[in-house]
Amino acid sequence: MKRIFSILALSAALLATFTPSAMADNHGGSLDGVSVKIDNTIEAPAFGFEGETPFGSQGPVAINATVEFAQCCDGFYAVDIDETHVSMTWIGDASFARVIEPGTFDRYYFTFGEPVLAGARLNSTSTLPANVTVTSPTTMTVVIGEGMQIGDGFDAVIDLQLVGAAPAQLAFTGAETTVLAIVGATAVAAGAGLVAWSRRNEDA
């Protein structure tokens, strides 16, 4: 019986090892000092850009109190990152203001220098309904696509969920949460297997 409790304790320790706070430094709920890079691509058949085409790149820069990307990548947006938000503010020429054409996608790939992302969602104050996806603890994609109105006053505000944040705030976590769930389930399954193995040996 003592062996079984020891194995269960080991399984619990394995599961704790893979919690978000253990996977990355806890920056106290802040991104200050973390580096970030943005890569922009355009897919716009109407303008001769067939398929996803690299269009601009900036960074990496350290996140601080200033506007990190005052004129990001393609010159359409200023991107500011604070402790828990990303703001994309339109600065493009008025001649480009329009409803995005079918088949056109303006993509922004954010790469953080440390595994700090647990998830992200568009804030309710956003006037640009961009699609936001966290693809790993270090990467996030923002897509502005067909049917969306772009121009002055159409800006995106993105709420970030940071690794190590309070569990109560995990309602909108992204792909990274799924990875953690799989890892955690694997640890539990491994612990159960060890218990079964121990019992077979004790009964022998």
N, C-alpha and C. Protein backbone atom coordinates (compact mmCIF):
# COMPACT_ATOMS: atom_id res chain seq x y z
N MET A 1 0.82 -1.21 0.00
CA MET A 1 0.00 0.00 0.00
C MET A 1 0.86 1.27 0.00
N LYS A 2 1.96 1.24 0.78
CA LYS A 2 2.84 2.39 0.80
C LYS A 2 3.40 2.68 -0.58
N ARG A 3 3.68 1.58 -1.32
CA ARG A 3 4.22 1.76 -2.67
C ARG A 3 3.21 2.46 -3.57
N ILE A 4 1.94 2.12 -3.42
CA ILE A 4 0.90 2.73 -4.24
C ILE A 4 0.80 4.23 -3.95
N PHE A 5 0.83 4.60 -2.66
CA PHE A 5 0.76 6.03 -2.32
C PHE A 5 1.98 6.78 -2.85
N SER A 6 3.12 6.12 -2.82
CA SER A 6 4.34 6.75 -3.34
C SER A 6 4.21 7.00 -4.83
N ILE A 7 3.64 6.03 -5.54
CA ILE A 7 3.48 6.17 -6.99
C ILE A 7 2.48 7.27 -7.32
N LEU A 8 1.38 7.33 -6.54
CA LEU A 8 0.40 8.39 -6.77
C LEU A 8 1.01 9.76 -6.52
N ALA A 9 1.84 9.86 -5.49
CA ALA A 9 2.51 11.13 -5.23
C ALA A 9 3.43 11.52 -6.37
N LEU A 10 4.11 10.53 -6.96
CA LEU A 10 4.97 10.78 -8.10
C LEU A 10 4.16 11.28 -9.29
N SER A 11 2.99 10.68 -9.52
CA SER A 11 2.13 11.10 -10.63
C SER A 11 1.66 12.53 -10.44
N ALA A 12 1.30 12.88 -9.21
CA ALA A 12 0.87 14.25 -8.93
C ALA A 12 2.00 15.24 -9.18
N ALA A 13 3.22 14.82 -8.82
CA ALA A 13 4.37 15.70 -9.05
C ALA A 13 4.62 15.89 -10.53
N LEU A 14 4.45 14.80 -11.33
CA LEU A 14 4.62 14.91 -12.77
C LEU A 14 3.60 15.87 -13.36
N LEU A 15 2.35 15.78 -12.90
CA LEU A 15 1.30 16.65 -13.41
C LEU A 15 1.60 18.10 -13.07
N ALA A 16 2.07 18.35 -11.85
CA ALA A 16 2.40 19.72 -11.44
C ALA A 16 3.54 20.28 -12.27
N THR A 17 4.43 19.40 -12.70
CA THR A 17 5.57 19.85 -13.50
C THR A 17 5.13 20.50 -14.79
N PHE A 18 3.98 20.07 -15.33
CA PHE A 18 3.54 20.56 -16.63
C PHE A 18 2.49 21.65 -16.53
N THR A 19 2.30 22.23 -15.35
CA THR A 19 1.37 23.35 -15.24
C THR A 19 1.94 24.56 -15.92
N PRO A 20 1.10 25.53 -16.36
CA PRO A 20 1.59 26.70 -17.07
C PRO A 20 2.69 27.44 -16.34
N SER A 21 2.58 27.59 -15.00
CA SER A 21 3.58 28.36 -14.28
C SER A 21 4.94 27.70 -14.33
N ALA A 22 4.97 26.37 -14.52
CA ALA A 22 6.26 25.69 -14.57
C ALA A 22 6.85 25.71 -15.95
N MET A 23 6.06 25.99 -16.96
CA MET A 23 6.55 25.96 -18.33
C MET A 23 7.24 27.26 -18.73
N ALA A 24 7.07 28.31 -17.97
CA ALA A 24 7.68 29.59 -18.32
C ALA A 24 7.87 30.42 -17.08
N ASP A 25 8.75 31.39 -17.17
CA ASP A 25 8.91 32.32 -16.06
C ASP A 25 7.62 33.09 -15.86
N ASN A 26 7.22 33.27 -14.61
CA ASN A 26 6.05 34.07 -14.32
C ASN A 26 6.50 35.52 -14.23
N HIS A 27 6.05 36.34 -15.16
CA HIS A 27 6.46 37.74 -15.20
C HIS A 27 5.54 38.62 -14.35
N GLY A 28 4.89 38.00 -13.38
CA GLY A 28 4.02 38.79 -12.52
C GLY A 28 2.84 39.36 -13.27
N GLY A 29 2.35 38.63 -14.28
CA GLY A 29 1.22 39.11 -15.07
C GLY A 29 1.58 40.22 -16.02
N SER A 30 2.86 40.37 -16.35
CA SER A 30 3.31 41.44 -17.22
C SER A 30 4.23 40.91 -18.31
N LEU A 31 4.21 41.58 -19.46
CA LEU A 31 5.10 41.22 -20.56
C LEU A 31 6.31 42.14 -20.65
N ASP A 32 6.45 43.04 -19.71
CA ASP A 32 7.57 43.98 -19.75
C ASP A 32 8.90 43.25 -19.87
N GLY A 33 9.70 43.66 -20.84
CA GLY A 33 11.02 43.08 -21.04
C GLY A 33 11.07 41.89 -21.95
N VAL A 34 9.92 41.29 -22.26
CA VAL A 34 9.89 40.13 -23.17
C VAL A 34 10.05 40.64 -24.61
N SER A 35 10.85 39.97 -25.41
CA SER A 35 11.03 40.40 -26.79
C SER A 35 9.90 39.88 -27.68
N VAL A 36 9.61 40.62 -28.73
CA VAL A 36 8.56 40.21 -29.67
C VAL A 36 8.95 40.64 -31.08
N LYS A 37 8.58 39.81 -32.04
CA LYS A 37 8.84 40.07 -33.46
C LYS A 37 7.52 39.89 -34.21
N ILE A 38 7.31 40.71 -35.24
CA ILE A 38 6.09 40.60 -36.05
C ILE A 38 6.49 40.36 -37.51
N ASP A 39 5.88 39.33 -38.10
CA ASP A 39 6.03 39.06 -39.53
C ASP A 39 4.67 39.22 -40.19
N ASN A 40 4.64 39.97 -41.28
CA ASN A 40 3.39 40.26 -41.98
C ASN A 40 3.40 39.61 -43.36
N THR A 41 2.28 38.98 -43.70
CA THR A 41 2.12 38.45 -45.06
C THR A 41 0.82 38.95 -45.64
N ILE A 42 0.75 38.97 -46.96
CA ILE A 42 -0.46 39.39 -47.66
C ILE A 42 -0.85 38.34 -48.69
N GLU A 43 -2.12 38.07 -48.76
CA GLU A 43 -2.68 37.19 -49.79
C GLU A 43 -3.82 37.96 -50.42
N ALA A 44 -3.59 38.48 -51.63
CA ALA A 44 -4.56 39.39 -52.25
C ALA A 44 -4.53 39.22 -53.77
N PRO A 45 -5.24 38.24 -54.29
CA PRO A 45 -5.25 38.02 -55.74
C PRO A 45 -5.66 39.26 -56.54
N ALA A 46 -6.55 40.07 -55.95
CA ALA A 46 -7.01 41.27 -56.65
C ALA A 46 -5.89 42.28 -56.88
N PHE A 47 -4.80 42.16 -56.07
CA PHE A 47 -3.67 43.08 -56.20
C PHE A 47 -2.40 42.37 -56.68
N GLY A 48 -2.56 41.15 -57.18
CA GLY A 48 -1.43 40.43 -57.74
C GLY A 48 -0.63 39.60 -56.75
N PHE A 49 -1.12 39.47 -55.52
CA PHE A 49 -0.43 38.66 -54.52
C PHE A 49 -1.12 37.30 -54.42
N GLU A 50 -0.72 36.38 -55.27
CA GLU A 50 -1.30 35.04 -55.27
C GLU A 50 -0.65 34.22 -54.15
N GLY A 51 -1.46 33.57 -53.33
CA GLY A 51 -0.92 32.81 -52.21
C GLY A 51 -0.39 33.75 -51.13
N GLU A 52 0.04 33.16 -50.02
CA GLU A 52 0.54 33.95 -48.90
C GLU A 52 1.95 34.45 -49.21
N THR A 53 2.11 35.76 -49.25
CA THR A 53 3.37 36.39 -49.67
C THR A 53 3.95 37.23 -48.53
N PRO A 54 5.23 37.00 -48.15
CA PRO A 54 5.86 37.85 -47.14
C PRO A 54 5.80 39.32 -47.56
N PHE A 55 5.41 40.19 -46.61
CA PHE A 55 5.21 41.59 -46.97
C PHE A 55 6.01 42.55 -46.09
N GLY A 56 6.38 42.10 -44.90
CA GLY A 56 7.14 42.96 -44.01
C GLY A 56 7.45 42.24 -42.72
N SER A 57 8.47 42.71 -42.02
CA SER A 57 8.87 42.11 -40.76
C SER A 57 9.55 43.17 -39.90
N GLN A 58 9.30 43.12 -38.58
CA GLN A 58 9.93 44.04 -37.65
C GLN A 58 10.25 43.35 -36.34
N GLY A 59 11.36 43.75 -35.71
CA GLY A 59 11.75 43.21 -34.43
C GLY A 59 12.84 42.16 -34.59
N PRO A 60 13.20 41.49 -33.50
CA PRO A 60 12.53 41.59 -32.20
C PRO A 60 12.92 42.86 -31.42
N VAL A 61 11.95 43.33 -30.63
CA VAL A 61 12.18 44.45 -29.72
C VAL A 61 11.66 44.04 -28.34
N ALA A 62 12.16 44.69 -27.30
CA ALA A 62 11.71 44.41 -25.94
C ALA A 62 10.44 45.20 -25.66
N ILE A 63 9.45 44.55 -25.08
CA ILE A 63 8.20 45.22 -24.73
C ILE A 63 8.46 46.17 -23.56
N ASN A 64 8.02 47.42 -23.73
CA ASN A 64 8.22 48.43 -22.68
C ASN A 64 7.08 49.43 -22.70
N ALA A 65 7.28 50.57 -22.10
CA ALA A 65 6.20 51.55 -21.96
C ALA A 65 5.93 52.35 -23.23
N THR A 66 6.79 52.23 -24.25
CA THR A 66 6.59 52.97 -25.49
C THR A 66 5.79 52.13 -26.49
N VAL A 67 5.43 52.74 -27.63
CA VAL A 67 4.79 52.00 -28.71
C VAL A 67 5.87 51.18 -29.41
N GLU A 68 5.76 49.86 -29.36
CA GLU A 68 6.82 49.00 -29.88
C GLU A 68 6.97 49.10 -31.40
N PHE A 69 5.85 49.16 -32.11
CA PHE A 69 5.90 49.21 -33.58
C PHE A 69 5.03 50.38 -34.05
N ALA A 70 5.63 51.56 -34.09
CA ALA A 70 4.87 52.76 -34.43
C ALA A 70 4.35 52.72 -35.86
N GLN A 71 5.03 51.95 -36.72
CA GLN A 71 4.57 51.75 -38.09
C GLN A 71 4.94 50.33 -38.48
N CYS A 72 4.01 49.43 -38.23
CA CYS A 72 4.34 48.01 -38.37
C CYS A 72 4.32 47.51 -39.81
N CYS A 73 5.41 46.90 -40.22
CA CYS A 73 5.49 46.00 -41.36
C CYS A 73 5.03 46.60 -42.68
N ASP A 74 3.73 46.66 -42.89
CA ASP A 74 3.21 47.14 -44.17
C ASP A 74 2.74 48.59 -44.10
N GLY A 75 2.91 49.24 -42.95
CA GLY A 75 2.56 50.65 -42.81
C GLY A 75 1.08 50.91 -42.60
N PHE A 76 0.29 49.87 -42.32
CA PHE A 76 -1.14 50.06 -42.10
C PHE A 76 -1.51 50.21 -40.63
N TYR A 77 -0.70 49.64 -39.74
CA TYR A 77 -1.05 49.63 -38.32
C TYR A 77 0.13 50.00 -37.44
N ALA A 78 -0.17 50.72 -36.36
CA ALA A 78 0.77 50.89 -35.26
C ALA A 78 0.40 49.83 -34.23
N VAL A 79 1.40 49.11 -33.76
CA VAL A 79 1.15 48.01 -32.82
C VAL A 79 1.81 48.34 -31.48
N ASP A 80 0.99 48.38 -30.44
CA ASP A 80 1.47 48.66 -29.09
C ASP A 80 1.12 47.49 -28.19
N ILE A 81 2.09 47.04 -27.41
CA ILE A 81 1.89 45.90 -26.51
C ILE A 81 2.17 46.37 -25.10
N ASP A 82 1.17 46.21 -24.21
CA ASP A 82 1.40 46.56 -22.81
C ASP A 82 1.43 45.28 -21.99
N GLU A 83 1.12 45.36 -20.71
CA GLU A 83 1.28 44.22 -19.83
C GLU A 83 0.41 43.03 -20.22
N THR A 84 -0.80 43.28 -20.71
CA THR A 84 -1.70 42.16 -21.03
C THR A 84 -2.52 42.39 -22.29
N HIS A 85 -2.15 43.39 -23.11
CA HIS A 85 -2.95 43.70 -24.29
C HIS A 85 -2.06 43.99 -25.50
N VAL A 86 -2.65 43.76 -26.68
CA VAL A 86 -2.04 44.19 -27.93
C VAL A 86 -3.04 45.09 -28.64
N SER A 87 -2.60 46.29 -29.04
CA SER A 87 -3.46 47.22 -29.76
C SER A 87 -2.91 47.40 -31.17
N MET A 88 -3.77 47.26 -32.17
CA MET A 88 -3.41 47.50 -33.56
C MET A 88 -4.27 48.66 -34.06
N THR A 89 -3.63 49.82 -34.22
CA THR A 89 -4.34 51.05 -34.57
C THR A 89 -4.05 51.43 -36.02
N TRP A 90 -5.09 51.68 -36.79
CA TRP A 90 -4.95 52.01 -38.20
C TRP A 90 -4.18 53.32 -38.39
N ILE A 91 -3.14 53.28 -39.23
CA ILE A 91 -2.39 54.49 -39.59
C ILE A 91 -2.21 54.57 -41.11
N GLY A 92 -2.90 53.69 -41.84
CA GLY A 92 -2.74 53.61 -43.28
C GLY A 92 -3.34 54.81 -44.02
N ASP A 93 -2.96 54.92 -45.26
CA ASP A 93 -3.50 55.97 -46.12
C ASP A 93 -5.00 55.76 -46.33
N ALA A 94 -5.73 56.86 -46.38
CA ALA A 94 -7.19 56.77 -46.53
C ALA A 94 -7.60 56.07 -47.81
N SER A 95 -6.73 56.07 -48.82
CA SER A 95 -7.07 55.43 -50.09
C SER A 95 -7.19 53.91 -49.96
N PHE A 96 -6.63 53.35 -48.88
CA PHE A 96 -6.70 51.90 -48.68
C PHE A 96 -7.88 51.49 -47.80
N ALA A 97 -8.62 52.45 -47.28
CA ALA A 97 -9.78 52.14 -46.44
C ALA A 97 -10.87 51.53 -47.30
N ARG A 98 -11.38 50.38 -46.88
CA ARG A 98 -12.37 49.67 -47.69
C ARG A 98 -12.85 48.43 -46.95
N VAL A 99 -13.79 47.72 -47.54
CA VAL A 99 -14.16 46.39 -47.09
C VAL A 99 -13.25 45.40 -47.82
N ILE A 100 -12.57 44.54 -47.07
CA ILE A 100 -11.60 43.61 -47.65
C ILE A 100 -12.27 42.70 -48.68
N GLU A 101 -11.62 42.56 -49.83
CA GLU A 101 -12.15 41.77 -50.93
C GLU A 101 -12.15 40.27 -50.63
N PRO A 102 -13.00 39.49 -51.29
CA PRO A 102 -12.97 38.03 -51.15
C PRO A 102 -11.59 37.48 -51.54
N GLY A 103 -11.10 36.55 -50.75
CA GLY A 103 -9.81 35.94 -51.04
C GLY A 103 -8.61 36.72 -50.56
N THR A 104 -8.84 37.86 -49.88
CA THR A 104 -7.74 38.69 -49.39
C THR A 104 -7.56 38.50 -47.89
N PHE A 105 -6.29 38.27 -47.49
CA PHE A 105 -5.98 38.06 -46.08
C PHE A 105 -4.68 38.78 -45.72
N ASP A 106 -4.76 39.62 -44.70
CA ASP A 106 -3.61 40.35 -44.18
C ASP A 106 -3.27 39.69 -42.84
N ARG A 107 -2.13 38.97 -42.79
CA ARG A 107 -1.81 38.16 -41.61
C ARG A 107 -0.61 38.74 -40.86
N TYR A 108 -0.72 38.72 -39.52
CA TYR A 108 0.36 39.20 -38.65
C TYR A 108 0.74 38.08 -37.69
N TYR A 109 2.00 37.67 -37.77
CA TYR A 109 2.51 36.59 -36.92
C TYR A 109 3.37 37.20 -35.81
N PHE A 110 2.92 37.05 -34.58
CA PHE A 110 3.65 37.55 -33.42
C PHE A 110 4.48 36.40 -32.83
N THR A 111 5.77 36.64 -32.65
CA THR A 111 6.65 35.64 -32.03
C THR A 111 7.29 36.25 -30.79
N PHE A 112 6.98 35.68 -29.64
CA PHE A 112 7.52 36.17 -28.38
C PHE A 112 8.78 35.39 -28.03
N GLY A 113 9.72 36.06 -27.38
CA GLY A 113 11.01 35.45 -27.08
C GLY A 113 10.97 34.44 -25.95
N GLU A 114 9.87 34.37 -25.23
CA GLU A 114 9.72 33.43 -24.13
C GLU A 114 8.32 32.81 -24.20
N PRO A 115 8.12 31.62 -23.65
CA PRO A 115 6.79 30.97 -23.68
C PRO A 115 5.84 31.59 -22.67
N VAL A 116 5.22 32.70 -23.05
CA VAL A 116 4.40 33.48 -22.12
C VAL A 116 2.90 33.41 -22.41
N LEU A 117 2.50 32.86 -23.56
CA LEU A 117 1.10 32.90 -23.96
C LEU A 117 0.34 31.63 -23.60
N ALA A 118 -0.79 31.80 -22.92
CA ALA A 118 -1.70 30.69 -22.68
C ALA A 118 -2.94 30.81 -23.57
N GLY A 119 -3.24 32.02 -24.04
CA GLY A 119 -4.39 32.23 -24.90
C GLY A 119 -4.57 33.71 -25.21
N ALA A 120 -5.56 34.00 -26.06
CA ALA A 120 -5.85 35.38 -26.44
C ALA A 120 -7.25 35.46 -27.01
N ARG A 121 -7.85 36.63 -26.91
CA ARG A 121 -9.17 36.84 -27.52
C ARG A 121 -9.31 38.31 -27.88
N LEU A 122 -10.20 38.59 -28.81
CA LEU A 122 -10.47 39.95 -29.22
C LEU A 122 -11.28 40.64 -28.12
N ASN A 123 -10.84 41.82 -27.71
CA ASN A 123 -11.55 42.58 -26.71
C ASN A 123 -12.87 43.11 -27.28
N SER A 124 -13.87 43.24 -26.43
CA SER A 124 -15.20 43.68 -26.89
C SER A 124 -15.19 45.11 -27.41
N THR A 125 -14.16 45.89 -27.09
CA THR A 125 -14.07 47.27 -27.56
C THR A 125 -13.49 47.37 -28.98
N SER A 126 -13.01 46.26 -29.53
CA SER A 126 -12.42 46.28 -30.86
C SER A 126 -13.44 46.68 -31.91
N THR A 127 -13.01 47.53 -32.82
CA THR A 127 -13.87 47.91 -33.94
C THR A 127 -13.46 47.18 -35.22
N LEU A 128 -12.36 46.43 -35.14
CA LEU A 128 -11.91 45.57 -36.24
C LEU A 128 -12.02 44.12 -35.78
N PRO A 129 -12.91 43.33 -36.37
CA PRO A 129 -13.14 41.96 -35.89
C PRO A 129 -12.11 40.96 -36.41
N ALA A 130 -10.83 41.22 -36.14
CA ALA A 130 -9.77 40.33 -36.61
C ALA A 130 -9.88 38.96 -35.95
N ASN A 131 -9.37 37.95 -36.63
CA ASN A 131 -9.34 36.60 -36.08
C ASN A 131 -8.01 36.40 -35.34
N VAL A 132 -8.10 36.01 -34.07
CA VAL A 132 -6.91 35.87 -33.22
C VAL A 132 -6.75 34.41 -32.81
N THR A 133 -5.55 33.87 -33.00
CA THR A 133 -5.27 32.48 -32.64
C THR A 133 -3.91 32.36 -31.97
N VAL A 134 -3.87 31.74 -30.80
CA VAL A 134 -2.60 31.41 -30.16
C VAL A 134 -2.22 30.01 -30.63
N THR A 135 -1.10 29.90 -31.31
CA THR A 135 -0.69 28.62 -31.89
C THR A 135 0.35 27.88 -31.05
N SER A 136 0.97 28.57 -30.10
CA SER A 136 1.92 27.96 -29.17
C SER A 136 2.17 28.96 -28.06
N PRO A 137 2.89 28.57 -27.00
CA PRO A 137 3.17 29.53 -25.93
C PRO A 137 4.01 30.73 -26.37
N THR A 138 4.58 30.69 -27.58
CA THR A 138 5.40 31.82 -28.05
C THR A 138 4.84 32.47 -29.31
N THR A 139 3.76 31.96 -29.89
CA THR A 139 3.29 32.50 -31.17
C THR A 139 1.80 32.78 -31.19
N MET A 140 1.44 33.88 -31.84
CA MET A 140 0.04 34.28 -32.01
C MET A 140 -0.14 34.82 -33.42
N THR A 141 -1.27 34.51 -34.03
CA THR A 141 -1.57 34.98 -35.37
C THR A 141 -2.81 35.86 -35.35
N VAL A 142 -2.74 37.01 -36.01
CA VAL A 142 -3.88 37.90 -36.17
C VAL A 142 -4.16 38.02 -37.66
N VAL A 143 -5.39 37.66 -38.06
CA VAL A 143 -5.75 37.66 -39.48
C VAL A 143 -6.86 38.67 -39.73
N ILE A 144 -6.62 39.58 -40.67
CA ILE A 144 -7.62 40.54 -41.13
C ILE A 144 -8.02 40.08 -42.52
N GLY A 145 -9.28 39.67 -42.68
CA GLY A 145 -9.65 39.01 -43.92
C GLY A 145 -10.89 39.56 -44.58
N GLU A 146 -11.32 38.83 -45.58
CA GLU A 146 -12.42 39.26 -46.45
C GLU A 146 -13.68 39.62 -45.66
N GLY A 147 -14.32 40.71 -46.10
CA GLY A 147 -15.55 41.17 -45.47
C GLY A 147 -15.36 42.12 -44.31
N MET A 148 -14.10 42.30 -43.85
CA MET A 148 -13.85 43.20 -42.72
C MET A 148 -13.61 44.62 -43.22
N GLN A 149 -14.18 45.58 -42.53
CA GLN A 149 -13.97 46.99 -42.85
C GLN A 149 -12.65 47.44 -42.24
N ILE A 150 -11.77 48.03 -43.06
CA ILE A 150 -10.53 48.58 -42.55
C ILE A 150 -10.47 50.07 -42.88
N GLY A 151 -9.71 50.80 -42.07
CA GLY A 151 -9.59 52.24 -42.25
C GLY A 151 -9.55 52.95 -40.92
N ASP A 152 -9.62 54.26 -40.95
CA ASP A 152 -9.54 55.07 -39.75
C ASP A 152 -10.69 54.72 -38.80
N GLY A 153 -10.36 54.44 -37.54
CA GLY A 153 -11.37 54.10 -36.56
C GLY A 153 -11.66 52.63 -36.43
N PHE A 154 -11.09 51.81 -37.32
CA PHE A 154 -11.28 50.35 -37.25
C PHE A 154 -9.99 49.72 -36.74
N ASP A 155 -9.96 49.52 -35.41
CA ASP A 155 -8.75 49.07 -34.72
C ASP A 155 -9.04 47.80 -33.93
N ALA A 156 -7.98 47.02 -33.70
CA ALA A 156 -8.12 45.77 -32.94
C ALA A 156 -7.46 45.91 -31.57
N VAL A 157 -8.15 45.44 -30.55
CA VAL A 157 -7.60 45.35 -29.20
C VAL A 157 -7.70 43.89 -28.78
N ILE A 158 -6.56 43.31 -28.40
CA ILE A 158 -6.49 41.88 -28.10
C ILE A 158 -6.10 41.69 -26.64
N ASP A 159 -6.91 40.92 -25.91
CA ASP A 159 -6.59 40.57 -24.53
C ASP A 159 -5.72 39.33 -24.54
N LEU A 160 -4.61 39.37 -23.80
CA LEU A 160 -3.70 38.23 -23.72
C LEU A 160 -3.88 37.50 -22.40
N GLN A 161 -3.89 36.19 -22.46
CA GLN A 161 -3.86 35.36 -21.26
C GLN A 161 -2.43 34.85 -21.10
N LEU A 162 -1.80 35.20 -19.99
CA LEU A 162 -0.39 34.85 -19.79
C LEU A 162 -0.24 33.54 -19.04
N VAL A 163 0.79 32.80 -19.39
CA VAL A 163 1.14 31.59 -18.66
C VAL A 163 1.40 31.96 -17.20
N GLY A 164 0.83 31.16 -16.29
CA GLY A 164 1.01 31.42 -14.87
C GLY A 164 -0.04 32.32 -14.27
N ALA A 165 -1.00 32.79 -15.09
CA ALA A 165 -2.07 33.64 -14.56
C ALA A 165 -3.04 32.81 -13.75
N ALA A 166 -3.93 33.47 -13.02
CA ALA A 166 -4.88 32.77 -12.16
C ALA A 166 -5.75 31.84 -12.99
N PRO A 167 -6.00 30.60 -12.54
CA PRO A 167 -6.82 29.64 -13.30
C PRO A 167 -8.20 30.17 -13.64
N ALA A 168 -8.76 31.06 -12.82
CA ALA A 168 -10.09 31.59 -13.08
C ALA A 168 -10.15 32.37 -14.37
N GLN A 169 -9.00 32.80 -14.90
CA GLN A 169 -8.97 33.60 -16.11
C GLN A 169 -8.71 32.76 -17.36
N LEU A 170 -8.77 31.43 -17.24
CA LEU A 170 -8.39 30.56 -18.36
C LEU A 170 -9.56 30.21 -19.28
N ALA A 171 -10.68 30.92 -19.17
CA ALA A 171 -11.85 30.57 -19.96
C ALA A 171 -11.60 30.68 -21.46
N PHE A 172 -10.68 31.56 -21.87
CA PHE A 172 -10.48 31.77 -23.31
C PHE A 172 -9.10 31.34 -23.77
N THR A 173 -8.50 30.40 -23.07
CA THR A 173 -7.16 29.96 -23.46
C THR A 173 -7.18 29.29 -24.82
N GLY A 174 -6.01 29.29 -25.47
CA GLY A 174 -5.91 28.78 -26.83
C GLY A 174 -5.29 27.41 -26.92
N ALA A 175 -4.56 27.17 -28.01
CA ALA A 175 -4.04 25.85 -28.30
C ALA A 175 -3.12 25.33 -27.22
N GLU A 176 -2.40 26.23 -26.54
CA GLU A 176 -1.43 25.80 -25.54
C GLU A 176 -2.10 25.06 -24.39
N THR A 177 -3.34 25.45 -24.06
CA THR A 177 -4.06 24.76 -23.00
C THR A 177 -4.31 23.32 -23.38
N THR A 178 -4.65 23.09 -24.65
CA THR A 178 -4.89 21.73 -25.13
C THR A 178 -3.63 20.89 -24.97
N VAL A 179 -2.50 21.46 -25.30
CA VAL A 179 -1.23 20.75 -25.15
C VAL A 179 -1.01 20.37 -23.70
N LEU A 180 -1.27 21.31 -22.79
CA LEU A 180 -1.08 21.03 -21.37
C LEU A 180 -2.03 19.94 -20.90
N ALA A 181 -3.26 19.97 -21.40
CA ALA A 181 -4.24 18.96 -21.00
C ALA A 181 -3.78 17.57 -21.44
N ILE A 182 -3.25 17.48 -22.65
CA ILE A 182 -2.77 16.20 -23.16
C ILE A 182 -1.60 15.70 -22.33
N VAL A 183 -0.67 16.60 -22.03
CA VAL A 183 0.49 16.23 -21.22
C VAL A 183 0.05 15.79 -19.83
N GLY A 184 -0.88 16.55 -19.24
CA GLY A 184 -1.36 16.20 -17.92
C GLY A 184 -2.06 14.85 -17.91
N ALA A 185 -2.90 14.61 -18.93
CA ALA A 185 -3.59 13.33 -19.02
C ALA A 185 -2.59 12.19 -19.17
N THR A 186 -1.54 12.43 -19.92
CA THR A 186 -0.51 11.40 -20.10
C THR A 186 0.15 11.07 -18.78
N ALA A 187 0.44 12.11 -17.96
CA ALA A 187 1.05 11.88 -16.66
C ALA A 187 0.13 11.07 -15.75
N VAL A 188 -1.18 11.41 -15.76
CA VAL A 188 -2.14 10.69 -14.93
C VAL A 188 -2.24 9.23 -15.38
N ALA A 189 -2.32 9.03 -16.72
CA ALA A 189 -2.41 7.67 -17.25
C ALA A 189 -1.18 6.86 -16.88
N ALA A 190 -0.01 7.50 -16.94
CA ALA A 190 1.22 6.82 -16.57
C ALA A 190 1.19 6.43 -15.10
N GLY A 191 0.68 7.31 -14.26
CA GLY A 191 0.58 7.00 -12.84
C GLY A 191 -0.36 5.85 -12.59
N ALA A 192 -1.51 5.83 -13.31
CA ALA A 192 -2.46 4.73 -13.16
C ALA A 192 -1.84 3.41 -13.59
N GLY A 193 -1.06 3.46 -14.65
CA GLY A 193 -0.39 2.25 -15.12
C GLY A 193 0.60 1.73 -14.10
N LEU A 194 1.31 2.63 -13.44
CA LEU A 194 2.27 2.23 -12.40
C LEU A 194 1.56 1.60 -11.21
N VAL A 195 0.38 2.15 -10.85
CA VAL A 195 -0.39 1.58 -9.75
C VAL A 195 -0.82 0.16 -10.07
N ALA A 196 -1.35 -0.03 -11.32
CA ALA A 196 -1.79 -1.36 -11.74
C ALA A 196 -0.62 -2.35 -11.72
N TRP A 197 0.51 -1.90 -12.20
CA TRP A 197 1.70 -2.76 -12.21
C TRP A 197 2.11 -3.15 -10.80
N SER A 198 2.03 -2.18 -9.87
CA SER A 198 2.40 -2.44 -8.49
C SER A 198 1.47 -3.46 -7.87
N ARG A 199 0.17 -3.33 -8.16
CA ARG A 199 -0.80 -4.26 -7.59
C ARG A 199 -0.58 -5.68 -8.09
N ARG A 200 -0.26 -5.80 -9.38
CA ARG A 200 -0.02 -7.13 -9.93
C ARG A 200 1.18 -7.78 -9.24
N ASN A 201 2.22 -6.99 -8.97
CA ASN A 201 3.39 -7.53 -8.32
C ASN A 201 3.13 -7.89 -6.85
N GLU A 202 2.26 -7.13 -6.17
CA GLU A 202 1.94 -7.44 -4.78
C GLU A 202 1.09 -8.69 -4.67
N ASP A 203 0.22 -8.90 -5.70
CA ASP A 203 -0.67 -10.07 -5.67
C ASP A 203 0.05 -11.35 -6.06
N ALA A 204 1.22 -11.17 -6.71
CA ALA A 204 1.93 -12.35 -7.21
C ALA A 204 2.50 -13.18 -6.05
